[in-house]
Every structure is written in C-alpha cells, then in structure tokens.
Amino acid sequence: MDILISILLLFGTFFTLVASLGIVRMPDLYTRMHAATKAGTVGICFLLLAVSLSMPEVTVISRVIGTILFLFITAPVAAHLLGKAMQQKGYKIWRNKK
C-alpha cells in the first residue's frame, strides 16, 4: 500500500509541476488555461487519492471523492467561461510567425 501511495504522490507532484510550468511557459491565455485545467486537475486528483489511501476512513474517503467530483465539474467549466469571455473581448490566439 505504501508503494501505491508513493506512486500516486509522485504522479500528482509531476502533473502539478507540469501544470505550473505550462502556466509560466505557454505563450497565450488559451494554452495556459489548457495546461492549468488538464494537468492541474489530474495532479490534484492523484494527490487526493494518495491522501484517501493513506487515511482509509469513511469521512476522509467521502470528502476526497466529493472534492474530486467538484474539481472535475468546476475546473473545465471555469476555463471554458474564461476563454469565452476573453474571445468576446477580442483576445487573439497566439500564432507562431516563422
């Protein structure tokens, strides 16, 4: 069980690191939102699963499941609404001009 928890913690840390690097390195708002939403949500879910496995109590597991469901529902919707608002404001998609 400790090995599985360690693997989940490593995966969660990796995806969270990728999300933070994506926010810093990506050229425009749309790609930054994609990095933060996809990799960040997956990373946090892996970390929460590790917490639920390390403390196998009904209250902890139920809260982790609720938090994961909340993240999977709200993160894509928030990113979509932010992208739509920026598109309506006239924010241009980054194009590589080589």
C-alpha atoms as a PDB file:
ATOM      1  CA  MET A   1       0.000   0.000   0.000  1.00  0.00           C
ATOM      2  CA  ASP A   2       2.862   2.369   0.763  1.00  0.00           C
ATOM      3  CA  ILE A   3       4.274   1.842  -2.729  1.00  0.00           C
ATOM      4  CA  LEU A   4       0.923   2.738  -4.326  1.00  0.00           C
ATOM      5  CA  ILE A   5       0.642   5.845  -2.165  1.00  0.00           C
ATOM      6  CA  SER A   6       4.181   6.856  -3.144  1.00  0.00           C
ATOM      7  CA  ILE A   7       3.427   6.361  -6.835  1.00  0.00           C
ATOM      8  CA  LEU A   8       0.259   8.452  -6.570  1.00  0.00           C
ATOM      9  CA  LEU A   9       2.175  11.189  -4.766  1.00  0.00           C
ATOM     10  CA  LEU A  10       4.876  11.176  -7.441  1.00  0.00           C
ATOM     11  CA  PHE A  11       2.339  11.298 -10.274  1.00  0.00           C
ATOM     12  CA  GLY A  12       0.401  14.063  -8.534  1.00  0.00           C
ATOM     13  CA  THR A  13       3.541  16.090  -7.981  1.00  0.00           C
ATOM     14  CA  PHE A  14       4.633  15.546 -11.590  1.00  0.00           C
ATOM     15  CA  PHE A  15       1.314  16.668 -13.084  1.00  0.00           C
ATOM     16  CA  THR A  16       1.107  19.663 -10.763  1.00  0.00           C
ATOM     17  CA  LEU A  17       4.652  20.638 -11.748  1.00  0.00           C
ATOM     18  CA  VAL A  18       3.776  20.272 -15.441  1.00  0.00           C
ATOM     19  CA  ALA A  19       0.716  22.479 -14.915  1.00  0.00           C
ATOM     20  CA  SER A  20       2.755  25.182 -13.208  1.00  0.00           C
ATOM     21  CA  LEU A  21       5.428  25.062 -15.906  1.00  0.00           C
ATOM     22  CA  GLY A  22       2.700  25.245 -18.547  1.00  0.00           C
ATOM     23  CA  ILE A  23       1.310  28.389 -16.961  1.00  0.00           C
ATOM     24  CA  VAL A  24       4.732  30.015 -16.976  1.00  0.00           C
ATOM     25  CA  ARG A  25       5.958  28.834 -20.382  1.00  0.00           C
ATOM     26  CA  MET A  26       2.902  28.903 -22.652  1.00  0.00           C
ATOM     27  CA  PRO A  27       2.553  31.932 -24.934  1.00  0.00           C
ATOM     28  CA  ASP A  28      -1.105  32.926 -24.552  1.00  0.00           C
ATOM     29  CA  LEU A  29      -4.094  32.687 -22.258  1.00  0.00           C
ATOM     30  CA  TYR A  30      -5.772  29.785 -24.040  1.00  0.00           C
ATOM     31  CA  THR A  31      -2.806  27.422 -23.839  1.00  0.00           C
ATOM     32  CA  ARG A  32      -2.130  28.468 -20.239  1.00  0.00           C
ATOM     33  CA  MET A  33      -5.717  27.657 -19.321  1.00  0.00           C
ATOM     34  CA  HIS A  34      -5.402  24.272 -21.002  1.00  0.00           C
ATOM     35  CA  ALA A  35      -2.249  23.434 -19.053  1.00  0.00           C
ATOM     36  CA  ALA A  36      -3.690  24.583 -15.751  1.00  0.00           C
ATOM     37  CA  THR A  37      -7.042  22.865 -16.219  1.00  0.00           C
ATOM     38  CA  LYS A  38      -5.934  19.497 -17.536  1.00  0.00           C
ATOM     39  CA  ALA A  39      -2.642  18.827 -15.773  1.00  0.00           C
ATOM     40  CA  GLY A  40      -3.576  20.665 -12.596  1.00  0.00           C
ATOM     41  CA  THR A  41      -6.838  18.789 -12.138  1.00  0.00           C
ATOM     42  CA  VAL A  42      -5.231  15.408 -12.769  1.00  0.00           C
ATOM     43  CA  GLY A  43      -2.330  16.232 -10.424  1.00  0.00           C
ATOM     44  CA  ILE A  44      -4.580  17.300  -7.586  1.00  0.00           C
ATOM     45  CA  CYS A  45      -6.753  14.216  -8.055  1.00  0.00           C
ATOM     46  CA  PHE A  46      -3.708  11.941  -7.773  1.00  0.00           C
ATOM     47  CA  LEU A  47      -2.644  13.741  -4.606  1.00  0.00           C
ATOM     48  CA  LEU A  48      -6.124  13.441  -3.119  1.00  0.00           C
ATOM     49  CA  LEU A  49      -6.248   9.732  -3.946  1.00  0.00           C
ATOM     50  CA  ALA A  50      -2.954   9.285  -2.113  1.00  0.00           C
ATOM     51  CA  VAL A  51      -4.452  11.035   0.906  1.00  0.00           C
ATOM     52  CA  SER A  52      -7.514   8.815   0.858  1.00  0.00           C
ATOM     53  CA  LEU A  53      -5.376   5.666   0.666  1.00  0.00           C
ATOM     54  CA  SER A  54      -3.093   6.792   3.470  1.00  0.00           C
ATOM     55  CA  MET A  55      -6.055   7.531   5.774  1.00  0.00           C
ATOM     56  CA  PRO A  56      -8.683   4.875   4.962  1.00  0.00           C
ATOM     57  CA  GLU A  57     -11.559   6.338   6.957  1.00  0.00           C
ATOM     58  CA  VAL A  58     -15.054   6.806   5.607  1.00  0.00           C
ATOM     59  CA  THR A  59     -15.077  10.541   6.334  1.00  0.00           C
ATOM     60  CA  VAL A  60     -11.755  11.114   4.559  1.00  0.00           C
ATOM     61  CA  ILE A  61     -12.661   8.991   1.535  1.00  0.00           C
ATOM     62  CA  SER A  62     -16.071  10.636   1.164  1.00  0.00           C
ATOM     63  CA  ARG A  63     -14.540  14.111   1.310  1.00  0.00           C
ATOM     64  CA  VAL A  64     -11.873  13.157  -1.228  1.00  0.00           C
ATOM     65  CA  ILE A  65     -14.499  11.776  -3.607  1.00  0.00           C
ATOM     66  CA  GLY A  66     -16.583  14.926  -3.190  1.00  0.00           C
ATOM     67  CA  THR A  67     -13.587  17.161  -3.798  1.00  0.00           C
ATOM     68  CA  ILE A  68     -12.535  15.214  -6.908  1.00  0.00           C
ATOM     69  CA  LEU A  69     -16.060  15.412  -8.327  1.00  0.00           C
ATOM     70  CA  PHE A  70     -16.185  19.133  -7.578  1.00  0.00           C
ATOM     71  CA  LEU A  71     -12.852  19.679  -9.350  1.00  0.00           C
ATOM     72  CA  PHE A  72     -13.861  17.670 -12.406  1.00  0.00           C
ATOM     73  CA  ILE A  73     -17.099  19.627 -12.697  1.00  0.00           C
ATOM     74  CA  THR A  74     -15.895  23.168 -11.981  1.00  0.00           C
ATOM     75  CA  ALA A  75     -12.395  23.391 -13.489  1.00  0.00           C
ATOM     76  CA  PRO A  76     -13.354  22.775 -17.152  1.00  0.00           C
ATOM     77  CA  VAL A  77     -16.438  24.976 -16.871  1.00  0.00           C
ATOM     78  CA  ALA A  78     -14.442  27.842 -15.362  1.00  0.00           C
ATOM     79  CA  ALA A  79     -11.741  27.559 -18.036  1.00  0.00           C
ATOM     80  CA  HIS A  80     -14.363  27.469 -20.787  1.00  0.00           C
ATOM     81  CA  LEU A  81     -16.128  30.562 -19.454  1.00  0.00           C
ATOM     82  CA  LEU A  82     -12.857  32.438 -19.060  1.00  0.00           C
ATOM     83  CA  GLY A  83     -11.808  31.540 -22.610  1.00  0.00           C
ATOM     84  CA  LYS A  84     -15.189  32.548 -23.994  1.00  0.00           C
ATOM     85  CA  ALA A  85     -15.057  35.879 -22.174  1.00  0.00           C
ATOM     86  CA  MET A  86     -11.580  36.588 -23.494  1.00  0.00           C
ATOM     87  CA  GLN A  87     -12.646  35.669 -27.022  1.00  0.00           C
ATOM     88  CA  GLN A  88     -15.595  38.070 -26.812  1.00  0.00           C
ATOM     89  CA  LYS A  89     -13.228  40.805 -25.592  1.00  0.00           C
ATOM     90  CA  GLY A  90     -11.117  40.311 -28.715  1.00  0.00           C
ATOM     91  CA  TYR A  91      -8.164  38.433 -27.268  1.00  0.00           C
ATOM     92  CA  LYS A  92      -6.214  36.978 -30.184  1.00  0.00           C
ATOM     93  CA  ILE A  93      -4.853  33.453 -30.314  1.00  0.00           C
ATOM     94  CA  TRP A  94      -1.069  33.332 -30.415  1.00  0.00           C
ATOM     95  CA  ARG A  95       0.321  32.405 -33.820  1.00  0.00           C
ATOM     96  CA  ASN A  96       3.941  31.458 -34.385  1.00  0.00           C
ATOM     97  CA  LYS A  97       5.238  33.772 -37.106  1.00  0.00           C
ATOM     98  CA  LYS A  98       8.201  31.943 -38.586  1.00  0.00           C
END
